[in-house]
Structure formats: C-alpha cells, structure tokens
Amino acid sequence: MHYRFFTIVAAALLFSLVSCRQEETRDDAPKAYYDLKGFIENQIVYLNEKKPEVSKTATLGSKRESSKTREVDWKKELELFVQADINKPSYRQSYEVIQNGPLHYEYRVKPGNDLPVAYLKIDSDSVLKQPLRVEALMRASNKVYNSEKRVVLNAVKRNNLMEVNAYDVTGYQKLIFVEKKSFSIHGEIGL
C-alpha cells in the first residue's frame, strides 16, 4: 500500500515536471545566478554513497502515508530542486536579482516572463558559501493542466561539509474537469 501511494504521488510530480520545458545548461557556460544545480548534483552523489535512512511522509488530498527506507533514488528524489535551478541560457535576462550574496541570494521572475520558476531564494553558510536553505516556487499551466509546487531544502554543516538533512514539496495540481488535488512530501534524512 505504501509503495503504491508513493508511486501515485511521484507520478503526479513527474507529470508536472514533464509539462515544463526542459533546457540544459552547458556546464562550462558562465552562471548568471547561484549554481543550485551543481550543489544538488554533488548532494546526490554524496547521498548515494552514504545511503542514509529517510523518513518520508506523503499526503495526497486527505490520504497520508509514512515510510522509512535507505533505498532511495536520490536523482529522482531531488529532481525538483535541480529543476528549480534558473541558470539556463534563455533565462539569463528573465530574473530580477533582489539580492546576490554574500550569504543570501534571491531571484524573482520579471513581469511578462512566463517561466516555471517564479522565485528562488538561497541562504548560504558564511564559511562554505553553500546553501543552508533553498526555497523555490514552481508553476506550470496550459489549457488542460495547472500546478504549483513550493520546494524547500535544508542542509547542515558537519565535518566542514554541507549535508542535506530535510526537504519539503507542497502544492497542488489541477486537471481540467477534475477536482484540484493538494499534495505534500516531507523527508527527514538521518545522516
């Protein structure tokens, strides 16, 4: 039952990802904004090596399920945070820089730009200059589909390394002729 429920929630999130335009950034291209994708990809490698236990709670509508596991595909689990990265060539002039370091970064989509990431906020550690907290609001809509996701990731510094220790995804999806469905996922990583 747990597996099926999490599969439904994951499928809903994947559907919303597929509806967004995918555009890759060349890794050697200069970054206009904070390199969130680079940080998340490093965390994926680290978590795949450590294999920490994850306590996860997922809610879809009024149904709620909880589980604990060490078997996590971190690339899939943190995919929304990779999608929240705004360093894409076509986005270069699309975001207003509210604050750009040294410890806080905040970017908001400029009026008139219809992009999936409405805002991205990053609070970073004063020594390592890596994220302690990441928050983004992601939206997708077309004639048959509308969704909104707020993603939050928290990290702690241990042994002079940043480690993701919790993440949240909350939001809704609405298909035409179907009732709006709210969902949330909360993960606690035991490192």
Protein backbone atom coordinates (compact mmCIF):
# COMPACT_ATOMS: atom_id res chain seq x y z
CA MET A 1 0.00 0.00 0.00
CA HIS A 2 2.79 2.44 0.92
CA TYR A 3 4.63 1.79 -2.32
CA ARG A 4 1.51 2.35 -4.41
CA PHE A 5 0.66 5.61 -2.67
CA PHE A 6 4.19 6.99 -3.05
CA THR A 7 4.16 5.87 -6.69
CA ILE A 8 0.96 7.87 -7.31
CA VAL A 9 2.43 10.97 -5.66
CA ALA A 10 5.70 10.54 -7.57
CA ALA A 11 3.82 10.07 -10.85
CA ALA A 12 1.87 13.26 -10.21
CA LEU A 13 5.09 15.18 -9.61
CA LEU A 14 6.74 13.61 -12.66
CA PHE A 15 3.76 14.59 -14.82
CA SER A 16 4.16 18.17 -13.69
CA LEU A 17 7.88 18.04 -14.49
CA VAL A 18 7.27 16.71 -17.98
CA SER A 19 4.87 19.56 -18.65
CA CYS A 20 7.72 22.03 -18.04
CA ARG A 21 10.14 22.86 -20.83
CA GLN A 22 13.45 21.12 -20.41
CA GLU A 23 16.53 23.12 -21.33
CA GLU A 24 20.02 22.10 -20.37
CA THR A 25 22.77 24.49 -19.40
CA ARG A 26 26.26 23.80 -20.65
CA ASP A 27 28.36 23.03 -17.59
CA ASP A 28 31.18 25.29 -18.80
CA ALA A 29 28.92 28.27 -19.50
CA PRO A 30 29.26 31.18 -17.03
CA LYS A 31 26.46 31.16 -14.43
CA ALA A 32 24.27 34.25 -14.22
CA TYR A 33 22.72 33.10 -10.93
CA TYR A 34 23.69 30.89 -8.00
CA ASP A 35 24.63 27.38 -9.20
CA LEU A 36 21.90 25.41 -7.44
CA LYS A 37 22.11 22.52 -9.92
CA GLY A 38 25.81 21.98 -9.13
CA PHE A 39 25.12 21.89 -5.39
CA ILE A 40 22.22 19.43 -5.75
CA GLU A 41 24.17 17.14 -8.09
CA ASN A 42 27.02 16.98 -5.53
CA GLN A 43 24.50 16.14 -2.80
CA ILE A 44 23.02 13.36 -4.97
CA VAL A 45 26.48 11.75 -5.31
CA TYR A 46 27.12 12.14 -1.56
CA LEU A 47 23.72 10.70 -0.53
CA ASN A 48 24.04 7.78 -2.96
CA GLU A 49 27.36 6.89 -1.31
CA LYS A 50 26.16 7.35 2.31
CA LYS A 51 22.75 5.65 1.85
CA PRO A 52 21.18 7.35 4.90
CA GLU A 53 17.79 6.33 6.27
CA VAL A 54 14.99 8.61 5.12
CA SER A 55 11.74 9.13 6.99
CA LYS A 56 9.18 10.30 4.46
CA THR A 57 5.59 11.42 4.83
CA ALA A 58 3.43 11.97 1.76
CA THR A 59 -0.05 13.44 1.63
CA LEU A 60 -2.33 13.41 -1.39
CA GLY A 61 -5.69 15.04 -0.74
CA SER A 62 -6.85 13.53 2.57
CA LYS A 63 -4.65 10.40 2.35
CA ARG A 64 -1.42 10.33 4.32
CA GLU A 65 1.34 7.70 4.29
CA SER A 66 4.66 7.44 6.09
CA SER A 67 7.69 5.23 5.48
CA LYS A 68 11.35 4.76 6.37
CA THR A 69 13.93 3.43 3.93
CA ARG A 70 17.56 3.51 2.87
CA GLU A 71 16.67 2.55 -0.71
CA VAL A 72 16.28 5.97 -2.31
CA ASP A 73 16.97 7.04 -5.88
CA TRP A 74 18.40 10.44 -4.94
CA LYS A 75 18.43 11.66 -8.53
CA LYS A 76 14.64 11.24 -8.69
CA GLU A 77 14.10 12.33 -5.09
CA LEU A 78 15.85 15.69 -5.57
CA GLU A 79 14.89 16.24 -9.23
CA LEU A 80 12.57 19.16 -8.40
CA PHE A 81 15.49 21.00 -6.82
CA VAL A 82 17.54 20.52 -9.99
CA GLN A 83 14.53 21.84 -11.93
CA ALA A 84 14.49 24.92 -9.67
CA ASP A 85 17.92 25.97 -10.99
CA ILE A 86 17.50 29.07 -13.17
CA ASN A 87 20.89 29.01 -14.93
CA LYS A 88 19.55 28.35 -18.41
CA PRO A 89 20.76 30.44 -21.36
CA SER A 90 17.25 31.62 -22.27
CA TYR A 91 16.60 32.72 -18.65
CA ARG A 92 19.67 34.97 -18.44
CA GLN A 93 17.69 38.26 -18.61
CA SER A 94 14.43 36.89 -17.18
CA TYR A 95 15.02 37.22 -13.44
CA GLU A 96 15.26 40.25 -11.22
CA VAL A 97 18.13 39.96 -8.76
CA ILE A 98 16.70 41.01 -5.39
CA GLN A 99 19.87 40.12 -3.53
CA ASN A 100 23.03 38.43 -4.82
CA GLY A 101 25.18 37.21 -1.93
CA PRO A 102 27.31 37.03 0.02
CA LEU A 103 25.02 34.89 2.23
CA HIS A 104 21.58 35.42 0.70
CA TYR A 105 20.51 35.07 -2.92
CA GLU A 106 17.04 35.90 -4.16
CA TYR A 107 15.76 35.91 -7.72
CA ARG A 108 12.23 36.67 -8.95
CA VAL A 109 10.91 36.21 -12.46
CA LYS A 110 10.43 39.59 -14.15
CA PRO A 111 6.88 40.63 -15.10
CA GLY A 112 5.90 39.41 -18.55
CA ASN A 113 8.08 36.27 -18.38
CA ASP A 114 6.16 33.00 -18.18
CA LEU A 115 8.79 30.69 -16.69
CA PRO A 116 8.37 27.62 -14.46
CA VAL A 117 10.37 29.03 -11.52
CA ALA A 118 8.58 32.07 -10.06
CA TYR A 119 11.26 32.70 -7.44
CA LEU A 120 14.38 31.14 -5.97
CA LYS A 121 15.81 32.00 -2.53
CA ILE A 122 19.05 30.61 -1.13
CA ASP A 123 20.55 31.24 2.32
CA SER A 124 24.16 30.08 2.45
CA ASP A 125 26.75 29.23 5.07
CA SER A 126 29.20 32.04 5.85
CA VAL A 127 32.29 29.81 5.54
CA LEU A 128 31.50 27.26 2.83
CA LYS A 129 29.23 29.58 0.81
CA GLN A 130 26.91 26.63 0.15
CA PRO A 131 23.16 26.50 0.81
CA LEU A 132 21.75 26.07 4.29
CA ARG A 133 18.25 26.61 2.93
CA VAL A 134 16.79 26.66 -0.57
CA GLU A 135 13.23 27.69 -1.39
CA ALA A 136 11.59 27.93 -4.80
CA LEU A 137 8.09 28.33 -6.18
CA MET A 138 7.45 26.45 -9.41
CA ARG A 139 4.37 26.81 -11.60
CA ALA A 140 3.16 25.07 -14.73
CA SER A 141 -0.01 25.63 -16.71
CA ASN A 142 -1.55 25.01 -20.08
CA LYS A 143 -5.10 24.55 -21.37
CA VAL A 144 -5.66 21.25 -19.54
CA TYR A 145 -3.28 21.40 -16.60
CA ASN A 146 -2.31 23.77 -13.79
CA SER A 147 0.10 23.12 -10.91
CA GLU A 148 2.10 24.90 -8.27
CA LYS A 149 4.89 23.48 -6.12
CA ARG A 150 6.82 25.11 -3.31
CA VAL A 151 10.06 23.25 -2.67
CA VAL A 152 12.25 23.75 0.39
CA LEU A 153 15.55 22.05 1.14
CA ASN A 154 17.53 22.39 4.37
CA ALA A 155 21.17 21.47 4.96
CA VAL A 156 23.51 21.42 7.93
CA LYS A 157 27.28 21.73 8.18
CA ARG A 158 29.02 18.61 9.51
CA ASN A 159 32.77 17.99 9.40
CA ASN A 160 33.18 21.06 7.20
CA LEU A 161 30.73 19.66 4.59
CA MET A 162 27.17 20.69 3.80
CA GLU A 163 24.68 17.83 4.06
CA VAL A 164 21.02 17.94 3.06
CA ASN A 165 19.01 16.89 6.10
CA ALA A 166 15.39 17.69 5.17
CA TYR A 167 13.22 18.61 2.21
CA ASP A 168 9.60 19.54 1.58
CA VAL A 169 7.43 19.73 -1.51
CA THR A 170 3.94 21.19 -1.14
CA GLY A 171 1.47 22.25 -3.76
CA TYR A 172 -1.44 21.29 -5.93
CA GLN A 173 -2.29 20.04 -9.37
CA LYS A 174 -5.48 20.67 -11.29
CA LEU A 175 -6.54 18.92 -14.46
CA ILE A 176 -9.44 20.25 -16.50
CA PHE A 177 -12.75 18.71 -15.36
CA VAL A 178 -11.02 17.16 -12.33
CA GLU A 179 -11.02 18.44 -8.76
CA LYS A 180 -7.87 20.24 -7.56
CA LYS A 181 -5.56 17.87 -5.64
CA SER A 182 -3.25 19.14 -2.93
CA PHE A 183 -0.11 17.18 -2.08
CA SER A 184 2.89 17.36 0.19
CA ILE A 185 6.05 15.37 0.76
CA HIS A 186 8.29 15.79 3.78
CA GLY A 187 11.59 13.97 4.05
CA GLU A 188 13.96 13.80 7.03
CA ILE A 189 17.41 12.43 6.24
CA GLY A 190 19.23 10.68 9.06
CA LEU A 191 22.94 11.16 8.39
